[in-house]
Amino acid sequence: MMKMLRLIPFLLFAWSPGAMASPADSLRQESLLPDSLYRDRMLADSLLSGNLHPDSLFRHGNRLYQHGGFEAALDVYGAVVDAGLESADLYYNMGNAAFRSNNIGHAILYYEKALKLDPFHENARHNLEFVSRYRVDTFEEVPRLFIRTWIDKLVRIFPERTWSMLSLALFVLLLASVVLYLFARRLTWKKAGFFSALFGLLFFLITLFSGIARHRNITRPDAGIIVAPSVVVKSSPSESGTELFILHEGTRVGLNEEVTGWRNIRVIDGREGWIRADDFESI
């Protein structure tokens, strides 16, 4: 949470290549920066080795992107992440740069990361839908229990910070209702305090556990994106395991248990198997 708060100031000065409006079949982005000299990969390397402040790196990454240095811009954005800072706009920019570098797997990964931090980032959602058309793999999802699907959607409605603020506000309302019930002299006010406390407690618990689930979802990823061009899924965590099926870059997988150098994954159609840990990246 502190990392997110530290990132706010430099985002105020940074530019995000997102669009106001564009056709539904195009990547959303815009170019607003003036001409600059930050044009080549050699300068990007010097920026990465110069220990610049993250907001400076972010602005330089935007300039590199502006002038077509997409891979160099991606490296500079990555240096901001390596500095311990992240935001939805940062990952959105990284997704754009990765797509322009013909790296579909990482483009999908970064858009997913942007939406994980900010479910309301419409440009990231739009671009994710657009770039997902380039995926090779398409699977039919196995139906899930309604209640589990509903809970997952509920938790993802708001970012962790919003859930925290809502739970704090409802806790204050709960305390006020309890005080009203205990100290009010009129029966009408006592009833109002009693029922307000009941509803306050109910919604406080909902927001509290939703915030906890959202935090766990961020700190303990349960999904990942295949970033290798193609991956052979094995029946066991070893090269000698039986080959089960093949996945291609950009495919989203669920993450299960981990063994040194290997990870058990599941596809939305219900199939499971083992892949090498460097063939995917967690969302």
C-alpha atoms as a PDB file:
ATOM      1  CA  MET A   1       0.000   0.000   0.000  1.00  0.00           C
ATOM      2  CA  MET A   2       2.827   2.403   0.811  1.00  0.00           C
ATOM      3  CA  LYS A   3       4.369   1.675  -2.549  1.00  0.00           C
ATOM      4  CA  MET A   4       1.149   2.721  -4.237  1.00  0.00           C
ATOM      5  CA  LEU A   5       1.039   5.948  -2.217  1.00  0.00           C
ATOM      6  CA  ARG A   6       4.634   6.729  -3.143  1.00  0.00           C
ATOM      7  CA  LEU A   7       3.780   6.281  -6.805  1.00  0.00           C
ATOM      8  CA  ILE A   8       0.999   8.913  -6.851  1.00  0.00           C
ATOM      9  CA  PRO A   9       3.280  12.000  -7.071  1.00  0.00           C
ATOM     10  CA  PHE A  10       5.249  10.823 -10.040  1.00  0.00           C
ATOM     11  CA  LEU A  11       2.090   9.779 -11.884  1.00  0.00           C
ATOM     12  CA  LEU A  12       0.885  13.367 -11.636  1.00  0.00           C
ATOM     13  CA  PHE A  13       3.827  14.390 -13.826  1.00  0.00           C
ATOM     14  CA  ALA A  14       3.885  11.309 -16.013  1.00  0.00           C
ATOM     15  CA  TRP A  15       2.170  10.680 -19.282  1.00  0.00           C
ATOM     16  CA  SER A  16       0.211   7.552 -20.055  1.00  0.00           C
ATOM     17  CA  PRO A  17      -0.248   6.578 -23.727  1.00  0.00           C
ATOM     18  CA  GLY A  18      -3.982   6.021 -23.399  1.00  0.00           C
ATOM     19  CA  ALA A  19      -6.662   7.283 -25.740  1.00  0.00           C
ATOM     20  CA  MET A  20      -9.730   9.428 -25.331  1.00  0.00           C
ATOM     21  CA  ALA A  21     -11.512   7.679 -28.149  1.00  0.00           C
ATOM     22  CA  SER A  22     -10.602   5.178 -30.852  1.00  0.00           C
ATOM     23  CA  PRO A  23     -12.240   2.537 -33.001  1.00  0.00           C
ATOM     24  CA  ALA A  24     -13.217  -0.633 -31.171  1.00  0.00           C
ATOM     25  CA  ASP A  25     -10.836  -2.655 -33.333  1.00  0.00           C
ATOM     26  CA  SER A  26      -7.684  -0.684 -32.561  1.00  0.00           C
ATOM     27  CA  LEU A  27      -5.176  -0.339 -29.745  1.00  0.00           C
ATOM     28  CA  ARG A  28      -5.925   2.649 -27.524  1.00  0.00           C
ATOM     29  CA  GLN A  29      -3.065   5.105 -27.172  1.00  0.00           C
ATOM     30  CA  GLU A  30      -2.173   8.702 -27.918  1.00  0.00           C
ATOM     31  CA  SER A  31       0.997  10.745 -28.428  1.00  0.00           C
ATOM     32  CA  LEU A  32       1.120  14.045 -26.551  1.00  0.00           C
ATOM     33  CA  LEU A  33       4.806  14.628 -25.900  1.00  0.00           C
ATOM     34  CA  PRO A  34       6.908  17.210 -27.741  1.00  0.00           C
ATOM     35  CA  ASP A  35       9.895  16.227 -29.824  1.00  0.00           C
ATOM     36  CA  SER A  36      12.919  15.049 -27.850  1.00  0.00           C
ATOM     37  CA  LEU A  37      16.345  13.558 -28.279  1.00  0.00           C
ATOM     38  CA  TYR A  38      15.521  10.327 -26.450  1.00  0.00           C
ATOM     39  CA  ARG A  39      15.404   8.178 -29.544  1.00  0.00           C
ATOM     40  CA  ASP A  40      17.782   5.248 -29.381  1.00  0.00           C
ATOM     41  CA  ARG A  41      18.591   2.175 -27.371  1.00  0.00           C
ATOM     42  CA  MET A  42      21.994   3.498 -26.254  1.00  0.00           C
ATOM     43  CA  LEU A  43      20.307   6.337 -24.388  1.00  0.00           C
ATOM     44  CA  ALA A  44      17.868   3.902 -22.771  1.00  0.00           C
ATOM     45  CA  ASP A  45      20.826   1.863 -21.494  1.00  0.00           C
ATOM     46  CA  SER A  46      22.419   4.987 -20.054  1.00  0.00           C
ATOM     47  CA  LEU A  47      19.171   5.892 -18.300  1.00  0.00           C
ATOM     48  CA  LEU A  48      18.933   2.441 -16.733  1.00  0.00           C
ATOM     49  CA  SER A  49      22.483   2.650 -15.403  1.00  0.00           C
ATOM     50  CA  GLY A  50      22.166   6.245 -14.173  1.00  0.00           C
ATOM     51  CA  ASN A  51      20.161   5.612 -10.991  1.00  0.00           C
ATOM     52  CA  LEU A  52      17.527   8.159 -11.990  1.00  0.00           C
ATOM     53  CA  HIS A  53      14.430   8.800  -9.913  1.00  0.00           C
ATOM     54  CA  PRO A  54      11.474   6.600 -10.960  1.00  0.00           C
ATOM     55  CA  ASP A  55       9.395   9.571 -12.175  1.00  0.00           C
ATOM     56  CA  SER A  56      12.249  10.588 -14.483  1.00  0.00           C
ATOM     57  CA  LEU A  57      12.509   7.029 -15.779  1.00  0.00           C
ATOM     58  CA  PHE A  58       8.775   6.980 -16.377  1.00  0.00           C
ATOM     59  CA  ARG A  59       8.873  10.199 -18.413  1.00  0.00           C
ATOM     60  CA  HIS A  60      11.888   8.987 -20.404  1.00  0.00           C
ATOM     61  CA  GLY A  61      10.071   5.726 -21.111  1.00  0.00           C
ATOM     62  CA  ASN A  62       7.137   7.697 -22.477  1.00  0.00           C
ATOM     63  CA  ARG A  63       9.451   9.692 -24.753  1.00  0.00           C
ATOM     64  CA  LEU A  64      11.094   6.531 -26.046  1.00  0.00           C
ATOM     65  CA  TYR A  65       7.659   5.080 -26.756  1.00  0.00           C
ATOM     66  CA  GLN A  66       6.649   8.320 -28.510  1.00  0.00           C
ATOM     67  CA  HIS A  67       9.535   7.944 -30.961  1.00  0.00           C
ATOM     68  CA  GLY A  68       9.087   4.263 -31.673  1.00  0.00           C
ATOM     69  CA  GLY A  69      11.625   2.830 -29.222  1.00  0.00           C
ATOM     70  CA  PHE A  70       9.133   0.327 -27.854  1.00  0.00           C
ATOM     71  CA  GLU A  71      11.585  -2.290 -26.567  1.00  0.00           C
ATOM     72  CA  ALA A  72      13.759   0.388 -24.976  1.00  0.00           C
ATOM     73  CA  ALA A  73      10.679   1.991 -23.401  1.00  0.00           C
ATOM     74  CA  LEU A  74       9.668  -1.398 -22.005  1.00  0.00           C
ATOM     75  CA  ASP A  75      13.098  -1.775 -20.383  1.00  0.00           C
ATOM     76  CA  VAL A  76      12.811   1.676 -18.806  1.00  0.00           C
ATOM     77  CA  TYR A  77       9.304   0.969 -17.498  1.00  0.00           C
ATOM     78  CA  GLY A  78      10.635  -2.298 -16.108  1.00  0.00           C
ATOM     79  CA  ALA A  79      13.276  -0.343 -14.200  1.00  0.00           C
ATOM     80  CA  VAL A  80      10.471   1.583 -12.476  1.00  0.00           C
ATOM     81  CA  VAL A  81       8.891  -1.711 -11.395  1.00  0.00           C
ATOM     82  CA  ASP A  82      12.293  -2.966 -10.246  1.00  0.00           C
ATOM     83  CA  ALA A  83      12.524   0.166  -8.088  1.00  0.00           C
ATOM     84  CA  GLY A  84       9.556  -1.175  -6.122  1.00  0.00           C
ATOM     85  CA  LEU A  85       6.828   1.010  -7.648  1.00  0.00           C
ATOM     86  CA  GLU A  86       3.779  -0.019  -9.622  1.00  0.00           C
ATOM     87  CA  SER A  87       0.475   1.350 -10.838  1.00  0.00           C
ATOM     88  CA  ALA A  88      -2.255   0.461 -13.325  1.00  0.00           C
ATOM     89  CA  ASP A  89      -1.082   3.214 -15.714  1.00  0.00           C
ATOM     90  CA  LEU A  90       2.491   1.957 -15.585  1.00  0.00           C
ATOM     91  CA  TYR A  91       1.474  -1.606 -16.466  1.00  0.00           C
ATOM     92  CA  TYR A  92      -0.875  -0.243 -19.128  1.00  0.00           C
ATOM     93  CA  ASN A  93       2.054   1.564 -20.771  1.00  0.00           C
ATOM     94  CA  MET A  94       4.121  -1.620 -20.532  1.00  0.00           C
ATOM     95  CA  GLY A  95       1.348  -3.563 -22.236  1.00  0.00           C
ATOM     96  CA  ASN A  96       1.269  -1.075 -25.110  1.00  0.00           C
ATOM     97  CA  ALA A  97       5.042  -1.188 -25.489  1.00  0.00           C
ATOM     98  CA  ALA A  98       5.080  -4.991 -25.390  1.00  0.00           C
ATOM     99  CA  PHE A  99       2.369  -5.226 -28.043  1.00  0.00           C
ATOM    100  CA  ARG A 100       4.233  -2.786 -30.294  1.00  0.00           C
ATOM    101  CA  SER A 101       7.298  -5.001 -29.807  1.00  0.00           C
ATOM    102  CA  ASN A 102       5.283  -8.001 -31.099  1.00  0.00           C
ATOM    103  CA  ASN A 103       5.364  -9.594 -27.652  1.00  0.00           C
ATOM    104  CA  ILE A 104       1.776 -10.765 -27.269  1.00  0.00           C
ATOM    105  CA  GLY A 105       2.367 -12.812 -24.115  1.00  0.00           C
ATOM    106  CA  HIS A 106       3.817  -9.946 -22.105  1.00  0.00           C
ATOM    107  CA  ALA A 107       1.274  -7.471 -23.516  1.00  0.00           C
ATOM    108  CA  ILE A 108      -1.567  -9.594 -22.151  1.00  0.00           C
ATOM    109  CA  LEU A 109       0.331 -10.059 -18.880  1.00  0.00           C
ATOM    110  CA  TYR A 110       0.758  -6.320 -18.313  1.00  0.00           C
ATOM    111  CA  TYR A 111      -2.850  -5.473 -19.203  1.00  0.00           C
ATOM    112  CA  GLU A 112      -3.957  -8.135 -16.722  1.00  0.00           C
ATOM    113  CA  LYS A 113      -1.689  -6.602 -14.085  1.00  0.00           C
ATOM    114  CA  ALA A 114      -3.158  -3.154 -14.785  1.00  0.00           C
ATOM    115  CA  LEU A 115      -6.696  -4.456 -14.315  1.00  0.00           C
ATOM    116  CA  LYS A 116      -5.673  -6.289 -11.182  1.00  0.00           C
ATOM    117  CA  LEU A 117      -4.658  -2.985  -9.606  1.00  0.00           C
ATOM    118  CA  ASP A 118      -7.508  -0.980 -11.136  1.00  0.00           C
ATOM    119  CA  PRO A 119     -10.555  -2.973 -12.316  1.00  0.00           C
ATOM    120  CA  PHE A 120     -12.041   0.252 -13.764  1.00  0.00           C
ATOM    121  CA  HIS A 121      -9.131   0.962 -16.155  1.00  0.00           C
ATOM    122  CA  GLU A 122     -11.206   0.998 -19.351  1.00  0.00           C
ATOM    123  CA  ASN A 123      -8.274   1.485 -21.727  1.00  0.00           C
ATOM    124  CA  ALA A 124      -6.475  -1.536 -20.287  1.00  0.00           C
ATOM    125  CA  ARG A 125      -9.657  -3.609 -20.565  1.00  0.00           C
ATOM    126  CA  HIS A 126     -10.210  -2.465 -24.138  1.00  0.00           C
ATOM    127  CA  ASN A 127      -6.635  -3.253 -25.167  1.00  0.00           C
ATOM    128  CA  LEU A 128      -6.697  -6.630 -23.414  1.00  0.00           C
ATOM    129  CA  GLU A 129      -9.757  -7.612 -25.439  1.00  0.00           C
ATOM    130  CA  PHE A 130      -8.092  -6.374 -28.623  1.00  0.00           C
ATOM    131  CA  VAL A 131      -4.723  -8.071 -28.081  1.00  0.00           C
ATOM    132  CA  SER A 132      -6.372 -11.324 -26.919  1.00  0.00           C
ATOM    133  CA  ARG A 133      -7.508 -11.848 -30.512  1.00  0.00           C
ATOM    134  CA  TYR A 134      -3.929 -12.711 -31.377  1.00  0.00           C
ATOM    135  CA  ARG A 135      -3.774 -15.664 -28.995  1.00  0.00           C
ATOM    136  CA  VAL A 136      -3.446 -19.089 -30.579  1.00  0.00           C
ATOM    137  CA  ASP A 137      -5.211 -21.069 -27.853  1.00  0.00           C
ATOM    138  CA  THR A 138      -8.978 -20.957 -27.349  1.00  0.00           C
ATOM    139  CA  PHE A 139     -10.681 -23.142 -24.766  1.00  0.00           C
ATOM    140  CA  GLU A 140     -14.204 -23.692 -23.562  1.00  0.00           C
ATOM    141  CA  GLU A 141     -14.416 -22.875 -19.858  1.00  0.00           C
ATOM    142  CA  VAL A 142     -15.663 -25.517 -17.447  1.00  0.00           C
ATOM    143  CA  PRO A 143     -18.759 -24.209 -15.609  1.00  0.00           C
ATOM    144  CA  ARG A 144     -18.116 -23.100 -12.022  1.00  0.00           C
ATOM    145  CA  LEU A 145     -20.418 -22.955  -9.028  1.00  0.00           C
ATOM    146  CA  PHE A 146     -22.565 -19.829  -9.181  1.00  0.00           C
ATOM    147  CA  ILE A 147     -21.720 -18.739  -5.636  1.00  0.00           C
ATOM    148  CA  ARG A 148     -17.966 -18.979  -6.284  1.00  0.00           C
ATOM    149  CA  THR A 149     -18.252 -16.968  -9.498  1.00  0.00           C
ATOM    150  CA  TRP A 150     -20.386 -14.364  -7.726  1.00  0.00           C
ATOM    151  CA  ILE A 151     -17.906 -14.005  -4.862  1.00  0.00           C
ATOM    152  CA  ASP A 152     -14.967 -13.617  -7.269  1.00  0.00           C
ATOM    153  CA  LYS A 153     -16.800 -10.892  -9.175  1.00  0.00           C
ATOM    154  CA  LEU A 154     -17.751  -9.144  -5.936  1.00  0.00           C
ATOM    155  CA  VAL A 155     -14.154  -9.085  -4.679  1.00  0.00           C
ATOM    156  CA  ARG A 156     -12.869  -7.709  -7.996  1.00  0.00           C
ATOM    157  CA  ILE A 157     -15.387  -4.848  -8.153  1.00  0.00           C
ATOM    158  CA  PHE A 158     -13.098  -2.476  -6.233  1.00  0.00           C
ATOM    159  CA  PRO A 159      -9.338  -2.149  -5.684  1.00  0.00           C
ATOM    160  CA  GLU A 160      -7.918  -3.065  -2.277  1.00  0.00           C
ATOM    161  CA  ARG A 161      -7.712   0.594  -1.219  1.00  0.00           C
ATOM    162  CA  THR A 162     -11.413   1.183  -1.926  1.00  0.00           C
ATOM    163  CA  TRP A 163     -12.453  -1.881   0.056  1.00  0.00           C
ATOM    164  CA  SER A 164     -10.302  -0.666   2.946  1.00  0.00           C
ATOM    165  CA  MET A 165     -11.902   2.780   2.931  1.00  0.00           C
ATOM    166  CA  LEU A 166     -15.399   1.302   2.765  1.00  0.00           C
ATOM    167  CA  SER A 167     -14.736  -1.059   5.664  1.00  0.00           C
ATOM    168  CA  LEU A 168     -13.348   1.828   7.750  1.00  0.00           C
ATOM    169  CA  ALA A 169     -16.404   4.003   7.026  1.00  0.00           C
ATOM    170  CA  LEU A 170     -18.780   1.168   7.896  1.00  0.00           C
ATOM    171  CA  PHE A 171     -16.879   0.460  11.103  1.00  0.00           C
ATOM    172  CA  VAL A 172     -17.360   4.087  12.155  1.00  0.00           C
ATOM    173  CA  LEU A 173     -21.060   3.789  11.291  1.00  0.00           C
ATOM    174  CA  LEU A 174     -21.257   0.602  13.348  1.00  0.00           C
ATOM    175  CA  LEU A 175     -19.727   2.290  16.387  1.00  0.00           C
ATOM    176  CA  ALA A 176     -22.059   5.284  16.046  1.00  0.00           C
ATOM    177  CA  SER A 177     -25.065   2.965  15.840  1.00  0.00           C
ATOM    178  CA  VAL A 178     -23.971   1.072  18.969  1.00  0.00           C
ATOM    179  CA  VAL A 179     -23.535   4.343  20.858  1.00  0.00           C
ATOM    180  CA  LEU A 180     -26.981   5.472  19.704  1.00  0.00           C
ATOM    181  CA  TYR A 181     -28.546   2.204  20.856  1.00  0.00           C
ATOM    182  CA  LEU A 182     -26.843   2.279  24.268  1.00  0.00           C
ATOM    183  CA  PHE A 183     -27.422   5.912  25.179  1.00  0.00           C
ATOM    184  CA  ALA A 184     -30.598   6.967  23.372  1.00  0.00           C
ATOM    185  CA  ARG A 185     -33.545   7.493  25.708  1.00  0.00           C
ATOM    186  CA  ARG A 186     -36.353   7.298  23.190  1.00  0.00           C
ATOM    187  CA  LEU A 187     -37.410   3.833  22.033  1.00  0.00           C
ATOM    188  CA  THR A 188     -37.547   4.966  18.402  1.00  0.00           C
ATOM    189  CA  TRP A 189     -33.888   6.002  18.451  1.00  0.00           C
ATOM    190  CA  LYS A 190     -32.884   2.767  20.178  1.00  0.00           C
ATOM    191  CA  LYS A 191     -34.580   0.745  17.433  1.00  0.00           C
ATOM    192  CA  ALA A 192     -32.882   2.836  14.780  1.00  0.00           C
ATOM    193  CA  GLY A 193     -29.503   2.313  16.461  1.00  0.00           C
ATOM    194  CA  PHE A 194     -30.118  -1.419  16.821  1.00  0.00           C
ATOM    195  CA  PHE A 195     -31.022  -2.063  13.181  1.00  0.00           C
ATOM    196  CA  SER A 196     -28.338   0.322  11.927  1.00  0.00           C
ATOM    197  CA  ALA A 197     -25.787  -1.628  13.970  1.00  0.00           C
ATOM    198  CA  LEU A 198     -26.997  -4.930  12.468  1.00  0.00           C
ATOM    199  CA  PHE A 199     -26.779  -3.690   8.898  1.00  0.00           C
ATOM    200  CA  GLY A 200     -23.509  -1.888   9.640  1.00  0.00           C
ATOM    201  CA  LEU A 201     -22.001  -5.083  11.040  1.00  0.00           C
ATOM    202  CA  LEU A 202     -23.156  -7.114   8.024  1.00  0.00           C
ATOM    203  CA  PHE A 203     -21.745  -4.747   5.429  1.00  0.00           C
ATOM    204  CA  PHE A 204     -18.603  -4.115   7.485  1.00  0.00           C
ATOM    205  CA  LEU A 205     -17.824  -7.841   7.451  1.00  0.00           C
ATOM    206  CA  ILE A 206     -18.519  -8.045   3.711  1.00  0.00           C
ATOM    207  CA  THR A 207     -16.177  -5.164   2.902  1.00  0.00           C
ATOM    208  CA  LEU A 208     -13.538  -6.342   5.381  1.00  0.00           C
ATOM    209  CA  PHE A 209     -13.322  -9.871   3.984  1.00  0.00           C
ATOM    210  CA  SER A 210     -13.521  -8.556   0.406  1.00  0.00           C
ATOM    211  CA  GLY A 211     -10.545  -6.297   1.131  1.00  0.00           C
ATOM    212  CA  ILE A 212      -8.614  -9.189   2.674  1.00  0.00           C
ATOM    213  CA  ALA A 213      -9.401 -11.382  -0.346  1.00  0.00           C
ATOM    214  CA  ARG A 214      -8.345  -8.603  -2.724  1.00  0.00           C
ATOM    215  CA  HIS A 215      -5.058  -8.154  -0.852  1.00  0.00           C
ATOM    216  CA  ARG A 216      -4.409 -11.890  -0.938  1.00  0.00           C
ATOM    217  CA  ASN A 217      -5.186 -11.930  -4.654  1.00  0.00           C
ATOM    218  CA  ILE A 218      -2.509  -9.271  -5.224  1.00  0.00           C
ATOM    219  CA  THR A 219       0.172 -10.648  -2.913  1.00  0.00           C
ATOM    220  CA  ARG A 220      -0.432 -14.330  -3.681  1.00  0.00           C
ATOM    221  CA  PRO A 221      -1.158 -14.617  -7.419  1.00  0.00           C
ATOM    222  CA  ASP A 222      -3.348 -17.553  -8.394  1.00  0.00           C
ATOM    223  CA  ALA A 223      -3.103 -17.025 -12.154  1.00  0.00           C
ATOM    224  CA  GLY A 224      -0.400 -16.461 -14.724  1.00  0.00           C
ATOM    225  CA  ILE A 225       0.207 -15.873 -18.431  1.00  0.00           C
ATOM    226  CA  ILE A 226       2.270 -18.085 -20.720  1.00  0.00           C
ATOM    227  CA  VAL A 227       5.090 -15.881 -22.039  1.00  0.00           C
ATOM    228  CA  ALA A 228       7.120 -18.484 -23.939  1.00  0.00           C
ATOM    229  CA  PRO A 229       6.169 -18.900 -27.630  1.00  0.00           C
ATOM    230  CA  SER A 230       4.991 -22.452 -26.942  1.00  0.00           C
ATOM    231  CA  VAL A 231       5.059 -24.731 -23.923  1.00  0.00           C
ATOM    232  CA  VAL A 232       4.732 -28.497 -23.659  1.00  0.00           C
ATOM    233  CA  VAL A 233       2.676 -29.391 -20.595  1.00  0.00           C
ATOM    234  CA  LYS A 234       4.004 -32.469 -18.805  1.00  0.00           C
ATOM    235  CA  SER A 235       2.321 -35.081 -16.621  1.00  0.00           C
ATOM    236  CA  SER A 236       4.996 -34.664 -13.923  1.00  0.00           C
ATOM    237  CA  PRO A 237       7.541 -32.010 -12.889  1.00  0.00           C
ATOM    238  CA  SER A 238      10.411 -33.423 -14.968  1.00  0.00           C
ATOM    239  CA  GLU A 239      11.601 -33.467 -18.555  1.00  0.00           C
ATOM    240  CA  SER A 240      10.878 -37.188 -18.698  1.00  0.00           C
ATOM    241  CA  GLY A 241       7.187 -36.643 -17.955  1.00  0.00           C
ATOM    242  CA  THR A 242       4.576 -37.561 -20.531  1.00  0.00           C
ATOM    243  CA  GLU A 243       3.656 -34.780 -22.947  1.00  0.00           C
ATOM    244  CA  LEU A 244      -0.016 -33.939 -22.367  1.00  0.00           C
ATOM    245  CA  PHE A 245      -0.751 -30.901 -24.556  1.00  0.00           C
ATOM    246  CA  ILE A 246       0.784 -27.665 -25.832  1.00  0.00           C
ATOM    247  CA  LEU A 247       0.045 -24.094 -24.791  1.00  0.00           C
ATOM    248  CA  HIS A 248       1.051 -20.897 -26.577  1.00  0.00           C
ATOM    249  CA  GLU A 249       1.978 -17.397 -25.440  1.00  0.00           C
ATOM    250  CA  GLY A 250      -0.782 -15.245 -24.041  1.00  0.00           C
ATOM    251  CA  THR A 251      -2.797 -18.118 -22.572  1.00  0.00           C
ATOM    252  CA  ARG A 252      -4.055 -17.535 -19.052  1.00  0.00           C
ATOM    253  CA  VAL A 253      -3.578 -20.413 -16.612  1.00  0.00           C
ATOM    254  CA  GLY A 254      -4.427 -21.069 -12.991  1.00  0.00           C
ATOM    255  CA  LEU A 255      -1.511 -21.735 -10.635  1.00  0.00           C
ATOM    256  CA  ASN A 256      -1.422 -24.704  -8.281  1.00  0.00           C
ATOM    257  CA  GLU A 257       1.421 -26.281  -6.343  1.00  0.00           C
ATOM    258  CA  GLU A 258       5.063 -25.513  -7.037  1.00  0.00           C
ATOM    259  CA  VAL A 259       8.079 -27.803  -7.189  1.00  0.00           C
ATOM    260  CA  THR A 260      11.622 -26.533  -7.722  1.00  0.00           C
ATOM    261  CA  GLY A 261      11.751 -25.198 -11.260  1.00  0.00           C
ATOM    262  CA  TRP A 262       8.229 -26.398 -12.112  1.00  0.00           C
ATOM    263  CA  ARG A 263       4.636 -25.266 -11.550  1.00  0.00           C
ATOM    264  CA  ASN A 264       1.399 -27.211 -11.736  1.00  0.00           C
ATOM    265  CA  ILE A 265      -1.113 -25.296 -13.847  1.00  0.00           C
ATOM    266  CA  ARG A 266      -4.732 -25.674 -14.867  1.00  0.00           C
ATOM    267  CA  VAL A 267      -6.416 -24.452 -18.003  1.00  0.00           C
ATOM    268  CA  ILE A 268      -9.987 -23.094 -18.013  1.00  0.00           C
ATOM    269  CA  ASP A 269     -11.191 -26.272 -19.746  1.00  0.00           C
ATOM    270  CA  GLY A 270     -10.191 -28.287 -16.651  1.00  0.00           C
ATOM    271  CA  ARG A 271      -6.957 -29.854 -17.865  1.00  0.00           C
ATOM    272  CA  GLU A 272      -3.906 -29.768 -15.596  1.00  0.00           C
ATOM    273  CA  GLY A 273      -0.213 -30.432 -15.946  1.00  0.00           C
ATOM    274  CA  TRP A 274       3.308 -29.203 -15.198  1.00  0.00           C
ATOM    275  CA  ILE A 275       5.330 -26.514 -16.964  1.00  0.00           C
ATOM    276  CA  ARG A 276       8.716 -24.971 -16.275  1.00  0.00           C
ATOM    277  CA  ALA A 277       8.639 -21.937 -13.982  1.00  0.00           C
ATOM    278  CA  ASP A 278      10.299 -19.687 -16.577  1.00  0.00           C
ATOM    279  CA  ASP A 279       7.609 -20.378 -19.206  1.00  0.00           C
ATOM    280  CA  PHE A 280       5.030 -18.174 -17.472  1.00  0.00           C
ATOM    281  CA  GLU A 281       4.767 -15.087 -15.314  1.00  0.00           C
ATOM    282  CA  SER A 282       2.316 -14.515 -12.465  1.00  0.00           C
ATOM    283  CA  ILE A 283      -0.319 -11.825 -12.824  1.00  0.00           C
END
